[in-house]
C-alpha atoms as a PDB file:
ATOM      1  CA  MET A   1      30.785  64.456  63.455  1.00  0.00           C
ATOM      2  CA  ALA A   2      33.445  63.726  66.032  1.00  0.00           C
ATOM      3  CA  ILE A   3      31.209  61.007  67.450  1.00  0.00           C
ATOM      4  CA  LEU A   4      29.946  59.546  64.169  1.00  0.00           C
ATOM      5  CA  GLU A   5      33.311  58.714  62.647  1.00  0.00           C
ATOM      6  CA  PRO A   6      34.782  56.679  65.551  1.00  0.00           C
ATOM      7  CA  ILE A   7      31.626  54.592  65.947  1.00  0.00           C
ATOM      8  CA  GLY A   8      31.459  53.800  62.244  1.00  0.00           C
ATOM      9  CA  ALA A   9      28.210  55.631  61.490  1.00  0.00           C
ATOM     10  CA  ARG A  10      29.462  56.484  58.018  1.00  0.00           C
ATOM     11  CA  ASN A  11      26.111  57.157  56.334  1.00  0.00           C
ATOM     12  CA  ASP A  12      25.197  59.577  59.120  1.00  0.00           C
ATOM     13  CA  LEU A  13      28.661  61.108  58.859  1.00  0.00           C
ATOM     14  CA  ALA A  14      28.122  61.695  55.132  1.00  0.00           C
ATOM     15  CA  ARG A  15      24.815  63.446  55.851  1.00  0.00           C
ATOM     16  CA  ALA A  16      26.502  65.595  58.493  1.00  0.00           C
ATOM     17  CA  LEU A  17      29.207  66.508  55.986  1.00  0.00           C
ATOM     18  CA  VAL A  18      26.560  67.664  53.500  1.00  0.00           C
ATOM     19  CA  THR A  19      24.909  69.774  56.199  1.00  0.00           C
ATOM     20  CA  ARG A  20      28.250  71.265  57.122  1.00  0.00           C
ATOM     21  CA  ALA A  21      28.924  71.964  53.440  1.00  0.00           C
ATOM     22  CA  ALA A  22      25.672  73.935  53.281  1.00  0.00           C
ATOM     23  CA  LEU A  23      26.789  75.980  56.279  1.00  0.00           C
ATOM     24  CA  HIS A  24      30.109  76.719  54.616  1.00  0.00           C
ATOM     25  CA  GLN A  25      28.281  77.691  51.431  1.00  0.00           C
ATOM     26  CA  ALA A  26      26.093  80.107  53.391  1.00  0.00           C
ATOM     27  CA  ALA A  27      29.218  81.614  54.935  1.00  0.00           C
ATOM     28  CA  GLY A  28      30.739  82.072  51.474  1.00  0.00           C
ATOM     29  CA  ASP A  29      33.440  79.405  51.829  1.00  0.00           C
ATOM     30  CA  ILE A  30      32.747  77.563  48.592  1.00  0.00           C
ATOM     31  CA  ALA A  31      36.084  75.713  48.557  1.00  0.00           C
ATOM     32  CA  ALA A  32      35.419  74.142  51.962  1.00  0.00           C
ATOM     33  CA  ALA A  33      31.868  73.273  50.932  1.00  0.00           C
ATOM     34  CA  LYS A  34      33.176  71.494  47.828  1.00  0.00           C
ATOM     35  CA  GLN A  35      35.717  69.520  49.865  1.00  0.00           C
ATOM     36  CA  LEU A  36      33.037  68.412  52.316  1.00  0.00           C
ATOM     37  CA  LEU A  37      30.738  67.310  49.494  1.00  0.00           C
ATOM     38  CA  ASP A  38      33.580  65.378  47.882  1.00  0.00           C
ATOM     39  CA  ARG A  39      34.270  63.603  51.178  1.00  0.00           C
ATOM     40  CA  ALA A  40      30.572  62.795  51.626  1.00  0.00           C
ATOM     41  CA  ALA A  41      30.369  61.459  48.063  1.00  0.00           C
ATOM     42  CA  ALA A  42      33.357  59.185  48.651  1.00  0.00           C
ATOM     43  CA  ILE A  43      31.754  57.769  51.794  1.00  0.00           C
ATOM     44  CA  VAL A  44      28.402  56.958  50.193  1.00  0.00           C
ATOM     45  CA  GLN A  45      30.079  55.479  47.122  1.00  0.00           C
ATOM     46  CA  ALA A  46      32.175  53.206  49.341  1.00  0.00           C
ATOM     47  CA  LEU A  47      29.038  52.163  51.214  1.00  0.00           C
ATOM     48  CA  GLY A  48      27.023  51.600  48.055  1.00  0.00           C
ATOM     49  CA  THR A  49      24.224  53.805  49.375  1.00  0.00           C
ATOM     50  CA  LEU A  50      21.454  54.080  46.794  1.00  0.00           C
ATOM     51  CA  ASP A  51      19.789  57.471  47.369  1.00  0.00           C
ATOM     52  CA  GLU A  52      22.524  59.603  48.879  1.00  0.00           C
ATOM     53  CA  PRO A  53      24.797  59.938  45.811  1.00  0.00           C
ATOM     54  CA  ALA A  54      22.005  61.684  43.883  1.00  0.00           C
ATOM     55  CA  ARG A  55      21.339  64.030  46.795  1.00  0.00           C
ATOM     56  CA  ILE A  56      25.021  64.879  47.115  1.00  0.00           C
ATOM     57  CA  GLU A  57      25.242  65.435  43.367  1.00  0.00           C
ATOM     58  CA  ALA A  58      22.254  67.809  43.569  1.00  0.00           C
ATOM     59  CA  ALA A  59      23.942  69.682  46.417  1.00  0.00           C
ATOM     60  CA  GLY A  60      27.091  70.000  44.307  1.00  0.00           C
ATOM     61  CA  ALA A  61      25.076  71.285  41.352  1.00  0.00           C
ATOM     62  CA  ALA A  62      23.456  73.891  43.599  1.00  0.00           C
ATOM     63  CA  LEU A  63      26.891  74.888  44.827  1.00  0.00           C
ATOM     64  CA  ASP A  64      28.102  75.264  41.234  1.00  0.00           C
ATOM     65  CA  ARG A  65      25.045  77.404  40.370  1.00  0.00           C
ATOM     66  CA  GLY A  66      25.493  79.541  43.458  1.00  0.00           C
ATOM     67  CA  THR A  67      22.079  78.607  44.795  1.00  0.00           C
ATOM     68  CA  PRO A  68      21.472  77.295  48.314  1.00  0.00           C
ATOM     69  CA  MET A  69      21.759  73.563  48.800  1.00  0.00           C
ATOM     70  CA  ARG A  70      18.456  71.852  49.520  1.00  0.00           C
ATOM     71  CA  LEU A  71      18.809  69.762  52.632  1.00  0.00           C
ATOM     72  CA  LEU A  72      16.364  66.973  53.320  1.00  0.00           C
ATOM     73  CA  ALA A  73      15.142  65.852  56.688  1.00  0.00           C
ATOM     74  CA  VAL A  74      16.460  62.541  57.960  1.00  0.00           C
ATOM     75  CA  GLY A  75      14.360  59.700  56.620  1.00  0.00           C
ATOM     76  CA  SER A  76      12.901  61.592  53.687  1.00  0.00           C
END
Protein backbone atom coordinates (compact mmCIF):
# COMPACT_ATOMS: atom_id res chain seq x y z
CA MET A 1 0.00 0.00 0.00
CA ALA A 2 2.90 2.31 0.69
CA ILE A 3 3.96 1.93 -2.94
CA LEU A 4 0.51 2.09 -4.55
CA GLU A 5 -0.55 5.45 -3.17
CA PRO A 6 2.50 7.52 -4.25
CA ILE A 7 2.42 6.13 -7.79
CA GLY A 8 -1.28 6.83 -8.19
CA ALA A 9 -2.44 3.22 -8.49
CA ARG A 10 -5.70 4.10 -6.75
CA ASN A 11 -7.81 1.17 -7.96
CA ASP A 12 -5.14 -1.25 -6.77
CA LEU A 13 -4.90 0.69 -3.52
CA ALA A 14 -8.65 0.30 -3.00
CA ARG A 15 -8.37 -3.47 -3.53
CA ALA A 16 -5.48 -3.62 -1.06
CA LEU A 17 -7.58 -1.70 1.46
CA VAL A 18 -10.39 -4.25 1.12
CA THR A 19 -7.91 -7.09 1.65
CA ARG A 20 -6.51 -5.34 4.69
CA ALA A 21 -10.05 -4.82 5.99
CA ALA A 22 -10.62 -8.58 5.75
CA LEU A 23 -7.47 -9.16 7.78
CA HIS A 24 -8.65 -6.73 10.43
CA GLN A 25 -12.04 -8.45 10.48
CA ALA A 26 -10.36 -11.82 11.01
CA ALA A 27 -8.37 -10.32 13.89
CA GLY A 28 -11.59 -9.00 15.45
CA ASP A 29 -10.91 -5.31 14.78
CA ILE A 30 -14.24 -4.47 13.18
CA ALA A 31 -13.85 -0.70 13.59
CA ALA A 32 -10.59 -0.67 11.61
CA ALA A 33 -12.11 -2.94 8.97
CA LYS A 34 -15.03 -0.53 8.55
CA GLN A 35 -12.70 2.46 8.20
CA LEU A 36 -10.66 0.68 5.54
CA LEU A 37 -13.79 -0.26 3.59
CA ASP A 38 -15.03 3.33 3.79
CA ARG A 39 -11.70 4.57 2.43
CA ALA A 40 -11.77 2.00 -0.38
CA ALA A 41 -15.35 2.98 -1.26
CA ALA A 42 -14.40 6.65 -1.46
CA ILE A 43 -11.53 5.85 -3.82
CA VAL A 44 -13.58 3.77 -6.25
CA GLN A 45 -16.42 6.30 -6.21
CA ALA A 46 -13.97 9.08 -7.08
CA LEU A 47 -12.56 6.95 -9.89
CA GLY A 48 -15.98 5.97 -11.21
CA THR A 49 -15.02 2.30 -11.13
CA LEU A 50 -17.95 0.16 -12.25
CA ASP A 51 -17.55 -3.21 -10.49
CA GLU A 52 -15.65 -2.38 -7.33
CA PRO A 53 -18.37 -0.42 -5.47
CA ALA A 54 -20.63 -3.49 -5.47
CA ARG A 55 -17.80 -5.69 -4.20
CA ILE A 56 -16.97 -3.23 -1.44
CA GLU A 57 -20.64 -2.99 -0.51
CA ALA A 58 -20.81 -6.80 -0.30
CA ALA A 59 -17.73 -6.81 1.93
CA GLY A 60 -19.38 -4.23 4.18
CA ALA A 61 -22.56 -6.30 4.35
CA ALA A 62 -20.52 -9.35 5.34
CA LEU A 63 -18.81 -7.28 8.01
CA ASP A 64 -22.20 -6.14 9.34
CA ARG A 65 -23.44 -9.77 9.42
CA GLY A 66 -20.29 -10.96 11.13
CA THR A 67 -19.44 -13.32 8.29
CA PRO A 68 -16.06 -13.41 6.55
CA MET A 69 -15.60 -11.07 3.63
CA ARG A 70 -15.37 -12.83 0.28
CA LEU A 71 -12.28 -11.65 -1.51
CA LEU A 72 -11.97 -12.09 -5.25
CA ALA A 73 -8.83 -12.77 -7.17
CA VAL A 74 -7.44 -9.92 -9.24
CA GLY A 75 -9.10 -9.84 -12.63
CA SER A 76 -12.17 -11.81 -11.65
